[in-house]
Amino acid sequence: MLIRIVRMTFAPENVGAFLQLFHNSADQIRQMPGCRFLELWQDADQPHVYCTHSHWESAETLNAYRRSALFGQVWPATKRLFAAPPLAFSVHPASSARTNSTATLL
């Protein structure tokens, strides 16, 4: 399994547009092959900062979603609303003593 968290900062005037975009696409994303879980978190101290938290069967299923037409619509529309570059974290939960995680700027 792969856990993915994407931290996004929006201009305050763009928060409503982002929330509408997320709520319009969340069920479709949840139905993508390999998506086990998707939710949205709002930063309690910075109301214009949100994180998506998702679980994927594997890096391959996440990458398949990222190549999909749905992602091709949702991600560019989301990126137009950013006030700062997003930060993404991918974590493979430990199934042994070894863990593997990465953080990248998108």
N, C-alpha and C. Protein backbone atom coordinates (compact mmCIF):
# COMPACT_ATOMS: atom_id res chain seq x y z
N MET A 1 0.85 -1.18 0.00
CA MET A 1 0.00 0.00 0.00
C MET A 1 0.89 1.24 0.00
N LEU A 2 0.36 2.32 -0.58
CA LEU A 2 1.04 3.60 -0.63
C LEU A 2 0.11 4.65 -0.05
N ILE A 3 0.59 5.42 0.90
CA ILE A 3 -0.17 6.53 1.46
C ILE A 3 0.39 7.81 0.85
N ARG A 4 -0.51 8.66 0.37
CA ARG A 4 -0.11 9.89 -0.31
C ARG A 4 -0.78 11.07 0.37
N ILE A 5 0.03 12.06 0.74
CA ILE A 5 -0.48 13.30 1.31
C ILE A 5 0.06 14.44 0.46
N VAL A 6 -0.85 15.29 0.00
CA VAL A 6 -0.46 16.46 -0.78
C VAL A 6 -0.94 17.69 -0.04
N ARG A 7 0.03 18.54 0.36
CA ARG A 7 -0.27 19.78 1.09
C ARG A 7 -0.35 20.92 0.07
N MET A 8 -1.49 21.63 0.09
CA MET A 8 -1.73 22.69 -0.88
C MET A 8 -2.12 23.98 -0.17
N THR A 9 -1.51 25.07 -0.59
CA THR A 9 -1.81 26.39 -0.04
C THR A 9 -2.51 27.21 -1.12
N PHE A 10 -3.64 27.76 -0.77
CA PHE A 10 -4.45 28.53 -1.71
C PHE A 10 -4.54 29.98 -1.28
N ALA A 11 -4.71 30.86 -2.23
CA ALA A 11 -5.07 32.23 -1.90
C ALA A 11 -6.45 32.16 -1.24
N PRO A 12 -6.68 32.95 -0.20
CA PRO A 12 -7.98 32.87 0.50
C PRO A 12 -9.18 32.97 -0.43
N GLU A 13 -9.08 33.79 -1.46
CA GLU A 13 -10.22 33.95 -2.38
C GLU A 13 -10.42 32.73 -3.29
N ASN A 14 -9.47 31.79 -3.30
CA ASN A 14 -9.58 30.59 -4.14
C ASN A 14 -10.01 29.35 -3.38
N VAL A 15 -10.16 29.45 -2.08
CA VAL A 15 -10.51 28.27 -1.27
C VAL A 15 -11.86 27.70 -1.69
N GLY A 16 -12.85 28.55 -1.88
CA GLY A 16 -14.18 28.07 -2.28
C GLY A 16 -14.15 27.33 -3.60
N ALA A 17 -13.40 27.83 -4.57
CA ALA A 17 -13.28 27.16 -5.87
C ALA A 17 -12.60 25.80 -5.71
N PHE A 18 -11.57 25.73 -4.86
CA PHE A 18 -10.92 24.44 -4.64
C PHE A 18 -11.87 23.45 -3.98
N LEU A 19 -12.59 23.88 -2.96
CA LEU A 19 -13.51 22.97 -2.27
C LEU A 19 -14.57 22.44 -3.22
N GLN A 20 -15.07 23.29 -4.10
CA GLN A 20 -16.06 22.85 -5.08
C GLN A 20 -15.44 21.82 -6.03
N LEU A 21 -14.23 22.10 -6.49
CA LEU A 21 -13.54 21.18 -7.39
C LEU A 21 -13.30 19.82 -6.71
N PHE A 22 -12.85 19.85 -5.46
CA PHE A 22 -12.60 18.59 -4.74
C PHE A 22 -13.90 17.81 -4.58
N HIS A 23 -14.94 18.47 -4.12
CA HIS A 23 -16.20 17.76 -3.87
C HIS A 23 -16.83 17.24 -5.16
N ASN A 24 -16.59 17.92 -6.28
CA ASN A 24 -17.12 17.46 -7.56
C ASN A 24 -16.37 16.25 -8.11
N SER A 25 -15.12 16.06 -7.69
CA SER A 25 -14.30 14.98 -8.26
C SER A 25 -13.96 13.86 -7.26
N ALA A 26 -14.18 14.07 -5.99
CA ALA A 26 -13.74 13.10 -4.97
C ALA A 26 -14.33 11.71 -5.18
N ASP A 27 -15.62 11.60 -5.48
CA ASP A 27 -16.22 10.28 -5.66
C ASP A 27 -15.63 9.57 -6.89
N GLN A 28 -15.35 10.32 -7.94
CA GLN A 28 -14.74 9.72 -9.13
C GLN A 28 -13.33 9.23 -8.82
N ILE A 29 -12.58 9.99 -8.05
CA ILE A 29 -11.22 9.57 -7.67
C ILE A 29 -11.30 8.32 -6.82
N ARG A 30 -12.21 8.30 -5.86
CA ARG A 30 -12.36 7.13 -4.99
C ARG A 30 -12.70 5.86 -5.77
N GLN A 31 -13.32 6.02 -6.94
CA GLN A 31 -13.69 4.87 -7.76
C GLN A 31 -12.59 4.44 -8.72
N MET A 32 -11.48 5.16 -8.75
CA MET A 32 -10.37 4.78 -9.63
C MET A 32 -9.79 3.45 -9.15
N PRO A 33 -9.39 2.58 -10.07
CA PRO A 33 -8.77 1.32 -9.66
C PRO A 33 -7.56 1.57 -8.76
N GLY A 34 -7.54 0.91 -7.63
CA GLY A 34 -6.42 1.02 -6.71
C GLY A 34 -6.58 2.05 -5.61
N CYS A 35 -7.57 2.94 -5.72
CA CYS A 35 -7.79 3.94 -4.67
C CYS A 35 -8.60 3.28 -3.56
N ARG A 36 -8.02 3.22 -2.37
CA ARG A 36 -8.70 2.60 -1.23
C ARG A 36 -9.32 3.63 -0.30
N PHE A 37 -8.83 4.88 -0.36
CA PHE A 37 -9.26 5.87 0.63
C PHE A 37 -8.88 7.25 0.11
N LEU A 38 -9.75 8.24 0.32
CA LEU A 38 -9.45 9.63 -0.01
C LEU A 38 -10.23 10.54 0.92
N GLU A 39 -9.54 11.47 1.54
CA GLU A 39 -10.21 12.47 2.34
C GLU A 39 -9.45 13.78 2.24
N LEU A 40 -10.09 14.85 2.69
CA LEU A 40 -9.51 16.18 2.66
C LEU A 40 -9.38 16.70 4.08
N TRP A 41 -8.21 17.24 4.39
CA TRP A 41 -7.97 17.84 5.70
C TRP A 41 -7.76 19.33 5.53
N GLN A 42 -8.24 20.11 6.49
CA GLN A 42 -7.97 21.55 6.52
C GLN A 42 -7.06 21.83 7.70
N ASP A 43 -6.03 22.63 7.49
CA ASP A 43 -5.12 23.01 8.56
C ASP A 43 -5.87 23.87 9.57
N ALA A 44 -5.84 23.48 10.84
CA ALA A 44 -6.57 24.20 11.88
C ALA A 44 -6.04 25.60 12.11
N ASP A 45 -4.76 25.82 11.85
CA ASP A 45 -4.15 27.13 12.10
C ASP A 45 -4.09 28.01 10.85
N GLN A 46 -4.20 27.40 9.68
CA GLN A 46 -4.12 28.14 8.42
C GLN A 46 -5.28 27.69 7.54
N PRO A 47 -6.42 28.37 7.62
CA PRO A 47 -7.62 27.89 6.94
C PRO A 47 -7.54 27.88 5.42
N HIS A 48 -6.50 28.39 4.84
CA HIS A 48 -6.33 28.36 3.38
C HIS A 48 -5.35 27.25 2.95
N VAL A 49 -4.96 26.39 3.90
CA VAL A 49 -4.07 25.26 3.63
C VAL A 49 -4.86 23.97 3.80
N TYR A 50 -4.80 23.11 2.79
CA TYR A 50 -5.51 21.84 2.79
C TYR A 50 -4.55 20.72 2.42
N CYS A 51 -4.87 19.51 2.86
CA CYS A 51 -4.12 18.32 2.48
C CYS A 51 -5.10 17.27 1.98
N THR A 52 -4.75 16.63 0.89
CA THR A 52 -5.48 15.43 0.51
C THR A 52 -4.70 14.25 1.09
N HIS A 53 -5.43 13.30 1.60
CA HIS A 53 -4.86 12.09 2.22
C HIS A 53 -5.49 10.92 1.49
N SER A 54 -4.68 10.14 0.79
CA SER A 54 -5.21 9.01 0.04
C SER A 54 -4.37 7.76 0.26
N HIS A 55 -5.02 6.62 0.08
CA HIS A 55 -4.34 5.32 0.15
C HIS A 55 -4.53 4.66 -1.20
N TRP A 56 -3.45 4.11 -1.73
CA TRP A 56 -3.45 3.44 -3.03
C TRP A 56 -2.88 2.04 -2.86
N GLU A 57 -3.35 1.11 -3.67
CA GLU A 57 -2.85 -0.26 -3.58
C GLU A 57 -1.35 -0.33 -3.80
N SER A 58 -0.85 0.53 -4.70
CA SER A 58 0.57 0.52 -5.02
C SER A 58 0.95 1.82 -5.72
N ALA A 59 2.23 2.03 -5.89
CA ALA A 59 2.70 3.18 -6.66
C ALA A 59 2.18 3.10 -8.10
N GLU A 60 2.05 1.90 -8.62
CA GLU A 60 1.57 1.72 -9.99
C GLU A 60 0.12 2.20 -10.14
N THR A 61 -0.73 1.92 -9.14
CA THR A 61 -2.12 2.35 -9.26
C THR A 61 -2.22 3.87 -9.10
N LEU A 62 -1.39 4.46 -8.25
CA LEU A 62 -1.36 5.92 -8.15
C LEU A 62 -0.90 6.52 -9.47
N ASN A 63 0.14 5.96 -10.05
CA ASN A 63 0.64 6.47 -11.33
C ASN A 63 -0.39 6.30 -12.44
N ALA A 64 -1.16 5.23 -12.41
CA ALA A 64 -2.21 5.04 -13.40
C ALA A 64 -3.26 6.15 -13.26
N TYR A 65 -3.62 6.48 -12.04
CA TYR A 65 -4.55 7.60 -11.82
C TYR A 65 -3.94 8.90 -12.35
N ARG A 66 -2.66 9.12 -12.07
CA ARG A 66 -2.01 10.35 -12.52
C ARG A 66 -1.91 10.45 -14.04
N ARG A 67 -2.04 9.33 -14.74
CA ARG A 67 -2.06 9.33 -16.21
C ARG A 67 -3.49 9.39 -16.76
N SER A 68 -4.49 9.35 -15.89
CA SER A 68 -5.88 9.29 -16.32
C SER A 68 -6.41 10.64 -16.81
N ALA A 69 -7.49 10.58 -17.59
CA ALA A 69 -8.16 11.80 -18.06
C ALA A 69 -8.70 12.60 -16.87
N LEU A 70 -9.18 11.91 -15.84
CA LEU A 70 -9.70 12.61 -14.66
C LEU A 70 -8.62 13.47 -14.02
N PHE A 71 -7.45 12.89 -13.78
CA PHE A 71 -6.34 13.65 -13.21
C PHE A 71 -5.97 14.80 -14.14
N GLY A 72 -6.00 14.55 -15.45
CA GLY A 72 -5.68 15.58 -16.43
C GLY A 72 -6.63 16.76 -16.39
N GLN A 73 -7.81 16.57 -15.85
CA GLN A 73 -8.76 17.67 -15.67
C GLN A 73 -8.63 18.31 -14.29
N VAL A 74 -8.55 17.48 -13.26
CA VAL A 74 -8.58 17.98 -11.88
C VAL A 74 -7.29 18.70 -11.50
N TRP A 75 -6.15 18.12 -11.81
CA TRP A 75 -4.89 18.69 -11.34
C TRP A 75 -4.60 20.07 -11.95
N PRO A 76 -4.72 20.27 -13.26
CA PRO A 76 -4.47 21.62 -13.80
C PRO A 76 -5.43 22.67 -13.22
N ALA A 77 -6.69 22.29 -13.02
CA ALA A 77 -7.65 23.23 -12.43
C ALA A 77 -7.27 23.57 -10.99
N THR A 78 -6.75 22.58 -10.25
CA THR A 78 -6.31 22.82 -8.87
C THR A 78 -5.07 23.69 -8.85
N LYS A 79 -4.12 23.39 -9.71
CA LYS A 79 -2.86 24.14 -9.74
C LYS A 79 -3.08 25.63 -10.00
N ARG A 80 -4.09 25.98 -10.78
CA ARG A 80 -4.36 27.40 -11.06
C ARG A 80 -4.77 28.16 -9.81
N LEU A 81 -5.18 27.46 -8.78
CA LEU A 81 -5.67 28.10 -7.56
C LEU A 81 -4.60 28.26 -6.48
N PHE A 82 -3.43 27.67 -6.68
CA PHE A 82 -2.37 27.68 -5.65
C PHE A 82 -1.81 29.08 -5.39
N ALA A 83 -1.48 29.31 -4.13
CA ALA A 83 -0.75 30.51 -3.72
C ALA A 83 0.73 30.18 -3.50
N ALA A 84 1.05 28.90 -3.40
CA ALA A 84 2.43 28.43 -3.18
C ALA A 84 2.54 27.03 -3.78
N PRO A 85 3.75 26.61 -4.10
CA PRO A 85 3.90 25.25 -4.64
C PRO A 85 3.43 24.20 -3.63
N PRO A 86 2.78 23.14 -4.11
CA PRO A 86 2.34 22.07 -3.20
C PRO A 86 3.52 21.22 -2.77
N LEU A 87 3.32 20.49 -1.71
CA LEU A 87 4.31 19.54 -1.21
C LEU A 87 3.63 18.19 -1.09
N ALA A 88 4.24 17.16 -1.68
CA ALA A 88 3.64 15.82 -1.67
C ALA A 88 4.53 14.86 -0.91
N PHE A 89 3.90 13.98 -0.13
CA PHE A 89 4.58 12.94 0.61
C PHE A 89 3.99 11.60 0.21
N SER A 90 4.83 10.64 -0.08
CA SER A 90 4.38 9.27 -0.34
C SER A 90 5.08 8.37 0.66
N VAL A 91 4.30 7.53 1.32
CA VAL A 91 4.83 6.67 2.37
C VAL A 91 4.34 5.25 2.14
N HIS A 92 5.26 4.29 2.19
CA HIS A 92 4.91 2.88 2.19
C HIS A 92 4.92 2.44 3.65
N PRO A 93 3.76 2.10 4.23
CA PRO A 93 3.75 1.67 5.63
C PRO A 93 4.69 0.49 5.84
N ALA A 94 5.31 0.47 6.97
CA ALA A 94 6.29 -0.57 7.27
C ALA A 94 5.61 -1.93 7.40
N SER A 95 6.07 -2.86 6.59
CA SER A 95 5.60 -4.24 6.74
C SER A 95 6.71 -5.07 7.37
N SER A 96 7.85 -4.42 7.56
CA SER A 96 8.99 -5.04 8.23
C SER A 96 9.71 -3.91 8.96
N ALA A 97 10.94 -4.11 9.33
CA ALA A 97 11.69 -3.09 10.03
C ALA A 97 12.07 -1.94 9.11
N ARG A 98 11.99 -2.13 7.79
CA ARG A 98 12.40 -1.12 6.84
C ARG A 98 11.18 -0.27 6.41
N THR A 99 11.35 1.06 6.34
CA THR A 99 10.31 1.94 5.83
C THR A 99 10.88 2.71 4.65
N ASN A 100 9.98 3.19 3.83
CA ASN A 100 10.38 3.92 2.64
C ASN A 100 9.45 5.10 2.49
N SER A 101 9.98 6.32 2.46
CA SER A 101 9.12 7.48 2.25
C SER A 101 9.88 8.49 1.40
N THR A 102 9.10 9.33 0.71
CA THR A 102 9.69 10.39 -0.10
C THR A 102 8.84 11.62 0.05
N ALA A 103 9.45 12.77 -0.13
CA ALA A 103 8.74 14.05 -0.17
C ALA A 103 9.21 14.77 -1.42
N THR A 104 8.29 15.33 -2.16
CA THR A 104 8.66 16.04 -3.37
C THR A 104 7.84 17.30 -3.52
N LEU A 105 8.44 18.30 -4.10
CA LEU A 105 7.69 19.48 -4.53
C LEU A 105 7.09 19.14 -5.87
N LEU A 106 5.83 19.47 -6.07
CA LEU A 106 5.18 19.17 -7.35
C LEU A 106 5.30 20.36 -8.27
